[in-house]
Amino acid sequence: MTRRMLAAAIAATLALLLAACASLPTSGPVNRGLVPEEESEAPFAFVPARPQPGATPEEIVDGFLRAGTGVTDNWLRAREYLAPSIREQWRPSAGVTVDVSVDRVIGSNDEGRVSVRLVTVASVDAQGAYEPSDQSTATLDFELAQQADGEWRITAAPDGIVLGRDVFPRVFHRYSVMFFDPTWTYLVPDTRWYPTAYAVVRIAAAVVDGVPTPWLSESVVSAFPESVQLEPASVPLSGGVAQVGLSTNALALDTTTHSRMQAQLDASLATAGVASVEMSVGSAPIDVTAAPTRSTRVSGPPLVLTEAGFGFLSGEELTEIPGLSDAVVAQSPTAVQVAPERDLAAVRRPDGAAVRVEASGAWILADARAGLASPSIDPHGYVWSAIVDDPASLQAVGDDGEAIAIADAWPGAARITAFSVSRDGARIAAAVSVGGEHEVWVAGVVRDGQVPVRLGEGDPLMLGSLAGEALSLTWLDDTTIGVVARTGDDRVVVEQPTGGSATSYIGPPDAVSLAAANPLSNLRVRSADDAMFVRRGTNWTESATGVLVLATQQGAPQ
């Protein structure tokens, strides 16, 4: 049985097994509201109402939809609204439709048939992958019949559950299923949404038996071979330690593979609050240390260009990067992104050209085409560039100066105003325009060894919409993309997760670029008058003036 077949089998049976398993800045927020993934401060355990005697078919369907909040015992309460003939066949784990609950319209065309019209804002598939739907409409059809006791029960219902956007984040939370980049250097998160009550087992099953979501599948690898399965399909948790049982095939694997498996499980389950993971086969533990992985955290001080030079700014003191600072200054840059070892940088010059700069002082003209967006540099030293009005023009240049056309770049996009390769090199995010709308997309990067050759097969993943055209985009961390967008006279700072709704804030006046900070809450923004602002709690605080360029970092030296 292949890994994909195994994943499908587990998705189909997991529901039966789970029951046994353990306002920011100055002028206020923009379109803030309650976003679907906004987490509550305390865990919730919903106990939905039972079917009431004498309930009409419409009331039964309404109660069934509301009972989607009750995940206890594999949605036992929701099953009470179903006729015995389908009670065990209905699959709540097939997915989630997130809707505006107050806009539900329940109607009956004839006796025993009920339709529900929904205004949807997002969906979550059987893998846990989140996709926004921009308040489109959907219709669900139900069939009901009177039982021997005269009560109406549902005899046909679509699989999956429906949750209002106000309760969705209290039932499901966002987690990361970790895979490796093809060089086994970085862990790459694949964002998933799972019921909080079953998160540990769902994450473990996704790591051991699952596959990446389609847009990422060609850009990452897993240490778990198809021959290894989660066995048993439950994950006991005691004292913060998760016991992950594996099939006997795991014993035949070498220590390097075991250590990488351990790294994937450790990092994935840590997002669910698990302190440590013990792998075992039967009663025999697999005693191994997790493989080391490279961090993608960035340095604390901002990296800037001022009249004094290029370097890290702390107070009024500027600390230069040996060699690279002089090489960057020599190009009179208007945008800079520095490689993780700080030995290379992607620079945009005043003439608009993209340049690959080395700490030795050597440089390569990476792209002289007119109308380029700010370039990006990946962890393998390739400088990426694209023409704003031609998203398909995406290319990358390495140390040999040869331009590599990136195939399958941004199909359907009319403009690409900002983009950046992720710090792990496996993904690329972009702010694009499509049919007059402004959106944030993400795609996988497919490489031949370390050489980028194309973006992942199929359409990129649309993460969310922007209120206006993007001026700047960067990765804030491994799962969050930051954007500065222009909306009339305002500047909006957007934090867009790689799976979930964005949070938007009014930014400083005339904001033009942003950079990640450590911690993330200290996000930095530069304005057109060369002032730098830092987000402090509920305000933007001016922290420096005379900042000619606010550079972004692709990590830090090991």
Protein backbone atom coordinates (compact mmCIF):
# COMPACT_ATOMS: atom_id res chain seq x y z
CA MET A 1 0.00 0.00 0.00
CA THR A 2 1.44 3.42 -0.96
CA ARG A 3 1.85 6.31 1.46
CA ARG A 4 -0.99 8.21 -0.29
CA MET A 5 -3.32 5.19 0.04
CA LEU A 6 -2.32 4.81 3.67
CA ALA A 7 -3.02 8.47 4.29
CA ALA A 8 -6.47 8.11 2.77
CA ALA A 9 -7.17 5.00 4.84
CA ILE A 10 -6.14 6.67 8.05
CA ALA A 11 -8.22 9.76 7.24
CA ALA A 12 -11.22 7.50 6.76
CA THR A 13 -10.72 5.49 9.95
CA LEU A 14 -9.20 8.13 12.19
CA ALA A 15 -12.57 9.48 13.27
CA LEU A 16 -13.45 6.08 14.78
CA LEU A 17 -10.10 5.77 16.50
CA LEU A 18 -9.91 9.25 17.93
CA ALA A 19 -12.54 8.54 20.56
CA ALA A 20 -10.13 6.17 22.22
CA CYS A 21 -7.15 8.60 22.07
CA ALA A 22 -5.96 10.31 24.52
CA SER A 23 -5.74 47.53 18.65
CA LEU A 24 -2.70 48.32 17.27
CA PRO A 25 -1.13 51.40 16.14
CA THR A 26 -2.19 54.95 16.12
CA SER A 27 -5.55 55.09 14.41
CA GLY A 28 -6.92 51.65 15.20
CA PRO A 29 -7.37 48.35 13.36
CA VAL A 30 -8.58 47.86 9.78
CA ASN A 31 -11.30 45.26 9.10
CA ARG A 32 -10.25 43.61 12.31
CA GLY A 33 -13.28 41.74 13.63
CA LEU A 34 -12.94 38.20 14.92
CA VAL A 35 -10.86 36.19 12.50
CA PRO A 36 -11.45 32.44 12.20
CA GLU A 37 -8.12 31.37 13.74
CA GLU A 38 -8.10 33.84 16.61
CA GLU A 39 -7.55 31.73 19.69
CA SER A 40 -9.36 32.14 22.97
CA GLU A 41 -7.43 32.53 26.22
CA ALA A 42 -8.92 29.39 27.77
CA PRO A 43 -9.88 26.02 26.24
CA PHE A 44 -13.55 25.43 25.48
CA ALA A 45 -15.48 22.17 25.64
CA PHE A 46 -18.83 22.61 23.91
CA VAL A 47 -21.76 20.42 24.95
CA PRO A 48 -24.39 20.89 22.23
CA ALA A 49 -28.09 20.32 22.87
CA ARG A 50 -29.73 16.98 22.17
CA PRO A 51 -32.58 16.65 19.64
CA GLN A 52 -35.77 17.89 21.24
CA PRO A 53 -39.00 15.83 21.18
CA GLY A 54 -41.31 16.94 18.41
CA ALA A 55 -38.62 18.91 16.56
CA THR A 56 -39.34 19.74 12.94
CA PRO A 57 -37.00 18.64 10.11
CA GLU A 58 -35.63 22.20 9.92
CA GLU A 59 -34.97 22.22 13.68
CA ILE A 60 -33.25 18.83 13.47
CA VAL A 61 -30.91 20.06 10.72
CA ASP A 62 -30.21 23.28 12.61
CA GLY A 63 -29.39 21.32 15.77
CA PHE A 64 -27.16 18.96 13.79
CA LEU A 65 -25.13 21.85 12.38
CA ARG A 66 -24.77 23.44 15.81
CA ALA A 67 -23.65 20.10 17.24
CA GLY A 68 -20.53 20.31 15.04
CA THR A 69 -18.92 22.12 17.97
CA GLY A 70 -19.12 19.00 20.14
CA VAL A 71 -16.05 16.95 19.21
CA THR A 72 -16.25 14.75 22.34
CA ASP A 73 -16.43 11.02 21.62
CA ASN A 74 -16.06 11.55 17.89
CA TRP A 75 -18.98 14.00 17.60
CA LEU A 76 -21.31 11.70 19.49
CA ARG A 77 -23.88 14.42 20.14
CA ALA A 78 -24.14 15.32 16.44
CA ARG A 79 -24.74 11.65 15.62
CA GLU A 80 -27.87 11.71 17.78
CA TYR A 81 -29.50 13.79 15.04
CA LEU A 82 -28.78 11.05 12.48
CA ALA A 83 -30.88 7.99 11.75
CA PRO A 84 -29.28 4.72 12.92
CA SER A 85 -28.76 3.73 9.28
CA ILE A 86 -26.10 6.45 8.72
CA ARG A 87 -24.95 7.18 12.25
CA GLU A 88 -21.66 5.32 11.87
CA GLN A 89 -21.13 6.12 8.18
CA TRP A 90 -21.12 9.92 8.57
CA ARG A 91 -17.51 11.24 8.57
CA PRO A 92 -17.10 14.48 10.53
CA SER A 93 -13.32 14.44 9.91
CA ALA A 94 -13.86 14.88 6.16
CA GLY A 95 -13.52 18.64 6.52
CA VAL A 96 -14.87 21.88 7.93
CA THR A 97 -16.90 24.62 6.32
CA VAL A 98 -16.38 27.90 8.19
CA ASP A 99 -19.36 30.19 7.72
CA VAL A 100 -21.13 33.31 8.97
CA SER A 101 -23.56 31.49 11.25
CA VAL A 102 -26.06 34.35 11.51
CA ASP A 103 -26.49 34.26 7.72
CA ARG A 104 -27.56 30.60 7.54
CA VAL A 105 -30.88 30.11 5.77
CA ILE A 106 -32.63 26.80 6.44
CA GLY A 107 -35.57 25.89 4.22
CA SER A 108 -37.60 22.88 3.14
CA ASN A 109 -38.72 22.26 -0.42
CA ASP A 110 -40.90 19.28 0.42
CA GLU A 111 -41.41 16.90 3.30
CA GLY A 112 -38.20 15.21 4.37
CA ARG A 113 -35.85 17.42 2.33
CA VAL A 114 -34.06 20.36 3.90
CA SER A 115 -31.53 22.73 2.28
CA VAL A 116 -29.16 25.06 4.09
CA ARG A 117 -27.65 28.08 2.36
CA LEU A 118 -24.34 29.17 3.86
CA VAL A 119 -22.12 32.22 3.48
CA THR A 120 -18.68 30.64 3.73
CA VAL A 121 -15.44 32.36 4.73
CA ALA A 122 -13.08 29.37 4.64
CA SER A 123 -12.80 25.63 4.44
CA VAL A 124 -10.54 23.03 6.02
CA ASP A 125 -10.02 19.78 4.12
CA ALA A 126 -9.49 16.26 5.45
CA GLN A 127 -5.73 16.92 5.71
CA GLY A 128 -6.35 19.99 7.85
CA ALA A 129 -5.36 22.46 5.12
CA TYR A 130 -7.08 25.86 5.34
CA GLU A 131 -8.34 27.78 2.30
CA PRO A 132 -10.19 31.12 2.35
CA SER A 133 -13.38 31.45 0.30
CA ASP A 134 -14.09 35.21 0.42
CA GLN A 135 -17.70 34.90 1.64
CA SER A 136 -19.00 32.82 -1.25
CA THR A 137 -22.28 30.91 -0.94
CA ALA A 138 -22.79 27.18 -0.65
CA THR A 139 -25.81 24.93 -0.25
CA LEU A 140 -26.00 21.73 1.81
CA ASP A 141 -28.80 19.24 1.20
CA PHE A 142 -30.25 16.87 3.81
CA GLU A 143 -32.84 14.13 3.73
CA LEU A 144 -34.87 13.15 6.79
CA ALA A 145 -37.40 10.49 7.73
CA GLN A 146 -39.66 9.90 10.68
CA GLN A 147 -38.49 7.04 12.86
CA ALA A 148 -40.60 4.41 14.59
CA ASP A 149 -41.12 6.76 17.54
CA GLY A 150 -42.39 9.51 15.26
CA GLU A 151 -39.29 11.70 15.60
CA TRP A 152 -37.50 13.13 12.56
CA ARG A 153 -33.90 12.10 11.99
CA ILE A 154 -31.42 12.78 9.18
CA THR A 155 -31.04 9.90 6.70
CA ALA A 156 -28.64 11.61 4.26
CA ALA A 157 -26.09 14.29 5.16
CA PRO A 158 -22.85 15.58 3.64
CA ASP A 159 -19.67 14.49 5.39
CA GLY A 160 -17.77 17.07 7.42
CA ILE A 161 -18.98 19.71 9.83
CA VAL A 162 -20.00 23.36 9.68
CA LEU A 163 -18.66 25.85 12.22
CA GLY A 164 -19.41 29.53 12.52
CA ARG A 165 -16.34 31.74 12.30
CA ASP A 166 -16.95 32.86 15.87
CA VAL A 167 -16.63 29.32 17.30
CA PHE A 168 -14.18 27.78 14.81
CA PRO A 169 -11.05 28.96 16.69
CA ARG A 170 -12.41 27.51 19.92
CA VAL A 171 -12.79 24.05 18.40
CA PHE A 172 -9.86 23.97 15.94
CA HIS A 173 -6.37 25.42 16.37
CA ARG A 174 -3.48 25.96 13.95
CA TYR A 175 -0.51 23.57 14.09
CA SER A 176 2.59 22.82 12.00
CA VAL A 177 3.36 19.44 10.46
CA MET A 178 7.09 19.47 9.82
CA PHE A 179 8.91 18.16 6.77
CA PHE A 180 12.53 18.68 5.67
CA ASP A 181 13.84 20.72 2.79
CA PRO A 182 15.55 18.41 0.25
CA THR A 183 19.02 19.13 1.70
CA TRP A 184 17.92 17.92 5.19
CA THR A 185 19.05 21.28 6.60
CA TYR A 186 15.80 23.02 7.53
CA LEU A 187 12.46 21.92 8.91
CA VAL A 188 9.63 23.31 6.77
CA PRO A 189 6.20 23.76 8.38
CA ASP A 190 3.04 22.64 6.60
CA THR A 191 0.19 24.50 8.35
CA ARG A 192 -2.79 22.39 9.43
CA TRP A 193 -5.96 22.96 11.47
CA TYR A 194 -7.10 20.20 13.82
CA PRO A 195 -9.63 19.86 16.64
CA THR A 196 -7.76 20.76 19.81
CA ALA A 197 -9.05 17.64 21.56
CA TYR A 198 -7.40 15.37 18.97
CA ALA A 199 -4.44 17.49 17.88
CA VAL A 200 -1.67 15.20 19.13
CA VAL A 201 -2.85 12.09 17.31
CA ARG A 202 -3.77 14.02 14.16
CA ILE A 203 -0.32 15.63 14.01
CA ALA A 204 1.47 12.32 14.63
CA ALA A 205 -0.59 10.61 11.93
CA ALA A 206 0.16 13.43 9.48
CA VAL A 207 3.91 13.16 10.12
CA VAL A 208 4.20 9.37 10.09
CA ASP A 209 1.55 8.34 7.54
CA GLY A 210 0.64 11.56 5.76
CA VAL A 211 1.85 13.57 2.81
CA PRO A 212 2.47 17.31 2.39
CA THR A 213 -0.33 19.49 1.10
CA PRO A 214 -0.31 19.58 -2.73
CA TRP A 215 1.28 23.01 -3.26
CA LEU A 216 4.27 22.00 -1.08
CA SER A 217 4.59 18.33 -2.01
CA GLU A 218 7.44 18.67 -4.55
CA SER A 219 9.49 20.99 -2.36
CA VAL A 220 9.93 18.98 0.84
CA VAL A 221 10.89 15.47 1.91
CA SER A 222 10.08 13.24 4.88
CA ALA A 223 12.34 10.91 6.82
CA PHE A 224 9.41 8.51 7.26
CA PRO A 225 9.36 5.91 4.46
CA GLU A 226 6.07 4.51 3.15
CA SER A 227 6.79 1.21 4.88
CA VAL A 228 6.57 2.77 8.35
CA GLN A 229 3.16 3.37 9.87
CA LEU A 230 1.72 4.76 13.09
CA GLU A 231 0.99 1.65 15.16
CA PRO A 232 -1.20 1.77 17.11
CA ALA A 233 -3.16 4.69 15.69
CA SER A 234 -3.21 6.48 19.02
CA VAL A 235 -0.68 8.61 20.88
CA PRO A 236 -0.76 8.32 24.68
CA LEU A 237 0.35 11.50 26.39
CA SER A 238 1.70 11.51 29.92
CA GLY A 239 3.50 14.34 31.69
CA GLY A 240 4.01 16.18 28.42
CA VAL A 241 5.65 13.12 26.81
CA ALA A 242 4.00 11.67 23.69
CA GLN A 243 4.41 7.94 23.06
CA VAL A 244 4.52 7.40 19.27
CA GLY A 245 4.34 3.76 18.30
CA LEU A 246 5.68 2.68 14.90
CA SER A 247 5.35 -0.48 12.81
CA THR A 248 8.14 -3.07 12.95
CA ASN A 249 9.62 -1.83 9.64
CA ALA A 250 11.05 1.12 11.59
CA LEU A 251 13.61 -1.16 13.25
CA ALA A 252 15.40 -1.75 9.95
CA LEU A 253 16.14 1.94 9.41
CA ASP A 254 19.54 3.48 10.11
CA THR A 255 20.36 5.92 12.89
CA THR A 256 20.43 8.94 10.58
CA THR A 257 16.90 8.23 9.44
CA HIS A 258 15.74 7.65 13.01
CA SER A 259 17.24 10.96 14.11
CA ARG A 260 15.48 12.82 11.31
CA MET A 261 12.20 11.11 12.16
CA GLN A 262 12.67 12.20 15.76
CA ALA A 263 13.32 15.80 14.64
CA GLN A 264 10.13 15.89 12.59
CA LEU A 265 8.01 14.51 15.42
CA ASP A 266 9.61 16.71 18.10
CA ALA A 267 9.08 19.95 16.15
CA SER A 268 5.59 19.03 14.92
CA LEU A 269 4.18 17.96 18.27
CA ALA A 270 5.82 20.91 20.04
CA THR A 271 3.26 23.11 18.27
CA ALA A 272 0.60 21.23 20.28
CA GLY A 273 2.42 21.80 23.56
CA VAL A 274 4.13 18.39 23.73
CA ALA A 275 7.38 18.62 25.70
CA SER A 276 9.06 15.52 24.25
CA VAL A 277 8.42 12.50 22.05
CA GLU A 278 9.40 8.87 22.53
CA MET A 279 9.34 6.64 19.46
CA SER A 280 8.94 2.90 19.97
CA VAL A 281 8.22 -0.35 18.18
CA GLY A 282 6.01 -2.54 20.31
CA SER A 283 7.43 -2.12 23.79
CA ALA A 284 10.97 -1.37 22.56
CA PRO A 285 11.92 2.32 22.55
CA ILE A 286 13.96 3.80 19.72
CA ASP A 287 16.67 5.62 21.63
CA VAL A 288 17.91 8.38 19.35
CA THR A 289 18.73 12.09 19.46
CA ALA A 290 16.89 14.37 17.08
CA ALA A 291 18.91 15.42 14.04
CA PRO A 292 20.20 19.00 14.26
CA THR A 293 18.43 21.49 12.02
CA ARG A 294 19.31 25.03 11.07
CA SER A 295 17.38 27.83 12.74
CA THR A 296 15.71 30.52 10.65
CA ARG A 297 15.61 33.11 13.44
CA VAL A 298 16.99 36.54 12.59
CA SER A 299 19.27 38.84 14.56
CA GLY A 300 17.69 41.16 17.11
CA PRO A 301 18.99 44.60 15.99
CA PRO A 302 17.63 46.05 12.73
CA LEU A 303 19.83 45.84 9.65
CA VAL A 304 19.84 49.25 7.95
CA LEU A 305 21.58 51.62 5.57
CA THR A 306 22.23 55.11 6.96
CA GLU A 307 24.60 57.94 6.03
CA ALA A 308 27.09 56.24 8.38
CA GLY A 309 27.05 52.97 6.43
CA PHE A 310 25.31 49.59 6.35
CA GLY A 311 25.01 47.38 9.42
CA PHE A 312 23.12 46.54 12.60
CA LEU A 313 21.73 49.57 14.41
CA SER A 314 21.68 49.59 18.21
CA GLY A 315 20.75 52.97 19.58
CA GLU A 316 22.96 55.34 17.61
CA GLU A 317 25.75 52.79 17.08
CA LEU A 318 26.07 51.02 13.74
CA THR A 319 27.89 47.66 13.66
CA GLU A 320 29.05 46.80 10.17
CA ILE A 321 29.23 43.33 8.63
CA PRO A 322 32.89 42.74 7.73
CA GLY A 323 33.34 42.98 3.98
CA LEU A 324 29.66 42.86 3.08
CA SER A 325 28.79 46.30 4.44
CA ASP A 326 31.31 48.06 2.21
CA ALA A 327 30.23 45.97 -0.79
CA VAL A 328 26.56 46.87 -0.23
CA VAL A 329 27.25 50.58 0.26
CA ALA A 330 29.23 50.63 -2.99
CA GLN A 331 26.04 49.76 -4.89
CA SER A 332 24.04 52.72 -3.42
CA PRO A 333 21.15 50.31 -2.71
CA THR A 334 17.44 51.06 -2.57
CA ALA A 335 16.61 47.56 -1.24
CA VAL A 336 18.75 44.86 0.41
CA GLN A 337 18.21 41.27 1.51
CA VAL A 338 21.12 39.51 3.24
CA ALA A 339 21.86 35.77 3.04
CA PRO A 340 21.95 33.76 6.31
CA GLU A 341 25.76 33.59 6.51
CA ARG A 342 25.97 37.34 5.83
CA ASP A 343 28.44 36.71 3.05
CA LEU A 344 26.03 37.55 0.22
CA ALA A 345 23.24 40.00 -0.46
CA ALA A 346 20.61 40.71 -3.08
CA VAL A 347 20.61 44.45 -3.84
CA ARG A 348 18.43 46.69 -5.96
CA ARG A 349 20.37 49.69 -7.30
CA PRO A 350 19.00 53.17 -8.02
CA ASP A 351 18.79 52.27 -11.73
CA GLY A 352 16.44 49.41 -10.79
CA ALA A 353 18.89 46.59 -11.55
CA ALA A 354 19.26 43.56 -9.26
CA VAL A 355 22.80 42.78 -8.15
CA ARG A 356 24.35 39.79 -6.35
CA VAL A 357 26.93 41.20 -3.93
CA GLU A 358 29.64 39.22 -2.12
CA ALA A 359 31.50 40.08 1.08
CA SER A 360 34.73 39.93 -0.94
CA GLY A 361 33.55 43.01 -2.82
CA ALA A 362 32.83 41.08 -6.01
CA TRP A 363 29.40 41.50 -7.54
CA ILE A 364 27.35 40.15 -10.42
CA LEU A 365 24.67 41.98 -12.36
CA ALA A 366 21.86 39.52 -11.77
CA ASP A 367 19.09 41.27 -13.72
CA ALA A 368 19.17 44.52 -15.72
CA ARG A 369 15.60 44.32 -17.05
CA ALA A 370 13.42 47.38 -16.50
CA GLY A 371 10.61 47.48 -13.95
CA LEU A 372 11.90 44.93 -11.42
CA ALA A 373 10.43 44.28 -7.97
CA SER A 374 12.90 44.16 -5.07
CA PRO A 375 15.06 41.01 -5.40
CA SER A 376 15.35 38.14 -2.92
CA ILE A 377 18.23 35.79 -2.06
CA ASP A 378 17.77 32.16 -1.05
CA PRO A 379 19.91 30.11 1.39
CA HIS A 380 21.84 28.58 -1.52
CA GLY A 381 23.01 31.97 -2.81
CA TYR A 382 20.62 32.42 -5.75
CA VAL A 383 19.30 35.95 -6.35
CA TRP A 384 15.66 35.94 -7.51
CA SER A 385 14.12 38.72 -9.59
CA ALA A 386 10.92 39.41 -11.54
CA ILE A 387 9.39 42.20 -13.60
CA VAL A 388 6.43 43.79 -11.81
CA ASP A 389 4.20 43.73 -14.89
CA ASP A 390 5.25 40.21 -15.91
CA PRO A 391 5.05 37.72 -13.00
CA ALA A 392 6.04 34.83 -15.28
CA SER A 393 9.43 36.55 -15.78
CA LEU A 394 10.71 35.15 -12.45
CA GLN A 395 14.36 34.08 -12.66
CA ALA A 396 17.29 33.20 -10.39
CA VAL A 397 21.03 33.85 -10.73
CA GLY A 398 23.80 32.00 -8.89
CA ASP A 399 27.53 32.58 -8.56
CA ASP A 400 28.13 31.82 -12.24
CA GLY A 401 25.96 34.75 -13.32
CA GLU A 402 23.74 32.58 -15.53
CA ALA A 403 20.04 33.44 -15.41
CA ILE A 404 17.74 30.49 -14.77
CA ALA A 405 14.14 31.02 -15.91
CA ILE A 406 11.80 29.69 -13.21
CA ALA A 407 9.08 27.70 -14.92
CA ASP A 408 5.39 27.76 -13.91
CA ALA A 409 5.75 31.10 -12.13
CA TRP A 410 2.51 32.67 -10.88
CA PRO A 411 0.01 31.50 -13.52
CA GLY A 412 -2.88 33.90 -13.93
CA ALA A 413 -1.26 36.83 -12.10
CA ALA A 414 -1.17 40.21 -13.89
CA ARG A 415 1.33 41.95 -11.57
CA ILE A 416 3.81 40.97 -8.87
CA THR A 417 4.66 43.98 -6.73
CA ALA A 418 6.65 42.22 -4.01
CA PHE A 419 7.97 38.72 -3.28
CA SER A 420 10.44 36.82 -1.11
CA VAL A 421 11.86 33.32 -0.91
CA SER A 422 11.38 31.75 2.53
CA ARG A 423 14.41 31.36 4.78
CA ASP A 424 14.35 27.58 4.29
CA GLY A 425 14.42 28.01 0.51
CA ALA A 426 11.49 25.63 -0.03
CA ARG A 427 8.78 28.27 -0.52
CA ILE A 428 8.23 31.64 -2.14
CA ALA A 429 5.53 34.18 -1.26
CA ALA A 430 4.32 36.99 -3.50
CA ALA A 431 1.90 39.90 -3.51
CA VAL A 432 0.11 39.72 -6.85
CA SER A 433 -2.76 41.38 -8.70
CA VAL A 434 -5.42 39.22 -10.33
CA GLY A 435 -8.44 40.67 -12.10
CA GLY A 436 -8.02 43.95 -10.26
CA GLU A 437 -7.83 42.23 -6.87
CA HIS A 438 -4.73 42.18 -4.68
CA GLU A 439 -3.76 38.89 -3.06
CA VAL A 440 -0.95 37.07 -1.24
CA TRP A 441 0.12 33.78 -2.82
CA VAL A 442 2.61 31.12 -1.81
CA ALA A 443 4.17 28.35 -3.90
CA GLY A 444 6.70 25.59 -3.43
CA VAL A 445 10.20 25.90 -4.93
CA VAL A 446 11.32 22.86 -6.91
CA ARG A 447 15.08 22.35 -7.24
CA ASP A 448 17.52 20.12 -9.04
CA GLY A 449 19.94 19.67 -6.15
CA GLN A 450 20.27 23.26 -4.94
CA VAL A 451 19.45 24.81 -8.32
CA PRO A 452 15.92 26.26 -8.53
CA VAL A 453 14.13 25.19 -11.71
CA ARG A 454 10.39 25.84 -11.27
CA LEU A 455 7.58 26.47 -8.87
CA GLY A 456 5.41 23.63 -7.62
CA GLU A 457 3.01 21.94 -9.99
CA GLY A 458 -0.53 23.30 -10.03
CA ASP A 459 -1.83 26.63 -8.87
CA PRO A 460 -0.10 28.50 -6.04
CA LEU A 461 -2.01 28.67 -2.77
CA MET A 462 -3.97 31.90 -2.36
CA LEU A 463 -3.50 32.88 1.28
CA GLY A 464 -5.66 35.98 1.48
CA SER A 465 -6.72 39.28 -0.02
CA LEU A 466 -5.16 42.72 0.46
CA ALA A 467 -7.06 45.99 0.72
CA GLY A 468 -4.63 47.63 -1.70
CA GLU A 469 -1.48 47.04 -3.72
CA ALA A 470 1.52 45.78 -1.75
CA LEU A 471 4.59 47.97 -1.37
CA SER A 472 6.73 45.44 0.52
CA LEU A 473 6.62 41.77 1.54
CA THR A 474 8.82 39.64 3.76
CA TRP A 475 8.71 36.43 5.81
CA LEU A 476 8.24 37.41 9.45
CA ASP A 477 8.81 33.84 10.61
CA ASP A 478 8.42 30.35 9.14
CA THR A 479 4.62 30.53 9.04
CA THR A 480 3.84 34.26 8.76
CA ILE A 481 4.26 36.69 5.87
CA GLY A 482 4.35 40.43 6.47
CA VAL A 483 3.05 42.95 3.93
CA VAL A 484 2.81 46.74 3.71
CA ALA A 485 -0.10 47.70 1.46
CA ARG A 486 -1.34 51.07 0.27
CA THR A 487 -5.06 51.81 0.72
CA GLY A 488 -5.76 55.39 -0.32
CA ASP A 489 -3.86 57.67 2.02
CA ASP A 490 -3.40 54.92 4.62
CA ARG A 491 -0.73 52.26 4.94
CA VAL A 492 -1.84 48.87 6.21
CA VAL A 493 0.51 46.36 7.81
CA VAL A 494 -0.69 42.80 7.28
CA GLU A 495 0.39 39.62 9.06
CA GLN A 496 -0.69 36.75 6.83
CA PRO A 497 -0.19 33.19 8.09
CA THR A 498 0.48 30.43 5.56
CA GLY A 499 -2.90 28.92 6.50
CA GLY A 500 -5.55 31.14 8.06
CA SER A 501 -6.93 34.65 7.98
CA ALA A 502 -4.71 37.71 8.16
CA THR A 503 -4.54 40.34 10.86
CA SER A 504 -4.33 43.92 9.55
CA TYR A 505 -3.27 47.12 11.30
CA ILE A 506 -3.04 50.76 10.34
CA GLY A 507 0.68 51.39 9.89
CA PRO A 508 2.79 54.52 10.31
CA PRO A 509 2.08 57.29 7.77
CA ASP A 510 3.81 56.73 4.42
CA ALA A 511 5.14 53.29 5.44
CA VAL A 512 7.01 51.74 2.52
CA SER A 513 8.80 48.63 3.81
CA LEU A 514 8.97 46.25 6.74
CA ALA A 515 11.35 43.74 8.31
CA ALA A 516 11.01 40.93 10.79
CA ALA A 517 12.18 41.34 14.36
CA ASN A 518 13.02 39.01 17.19
CA PRO A 519 10.60 38.74 18.93
CA LEU A 520 8.00 38.99 16.18
CA SER A 521 5.91 41.43 18.21
CA ASN A 522 8.61 44.08 17.62
CA LEU A 523 7.94 44.24 13.89
CA ARG A 524 9.81 47.11 12.19
CA VAL A 525 8.50 49.46 9.51
CA ARG A 526 10.28 52.20 7.54
CA SER A 527 8.47 55.30 6.25
CA ALA A 528 9.14 57.31 3.12
CA ASP A 529 10.74 60.10 5.19
CA ASP A 530 13.45 57.64 6.39
CA ALA A 531 12.05 57.10 9.89
CA MET A 532 11.94 53.61 11.39
CA PHE A 533 9.08 52.52 13.63
CA VAL A 534 8.78 49.55 15.97
CA ARG A 535 5.50 48.07 17.09
CA ARG A 536 5.31 48.29 20.87
CA GLY A 537 2.12 46.86 22.29
CA THR A 538 -0.68 49.00 20.87
CA ASN A 539 1.45 51.70 19.27
CA TRP A 540 4.04 52.35 16.60
CA THR A 541 7.04 54.00 18.23
CA GLU A 542 9.61 55.90 16.20
CA SER A 543 12.94 54.25 17.01
CA ALA A 544 15.34 55.85 14.51
CA THR A 545 15.64 58.48 11.82
CA GLY A 546 17.87 58.70 8.78
CA VAL A 547 17.20 55.07 7.80
CA LEU A 548 17.71 55.05 4.04
CA VAL A 549 17.05 51.31 3.63
CA LEU A 550 15.52 48.79 6.03
CA ALA A 551 17.11 45.49 5.00
CA THR A 552 15.68 42.02 5.51
CA GLN A 553 17.58 38.98 6.75
CA GLN A 554 17.31 35.39 5.54
CA GLY A 555 18.52 34.01 8.88
CA ALA A 556 21.69 34.31 10.93
CA PRO A 557 25.10 32.59 10.91
CA GLN A 558 25.24 29.25 12.68
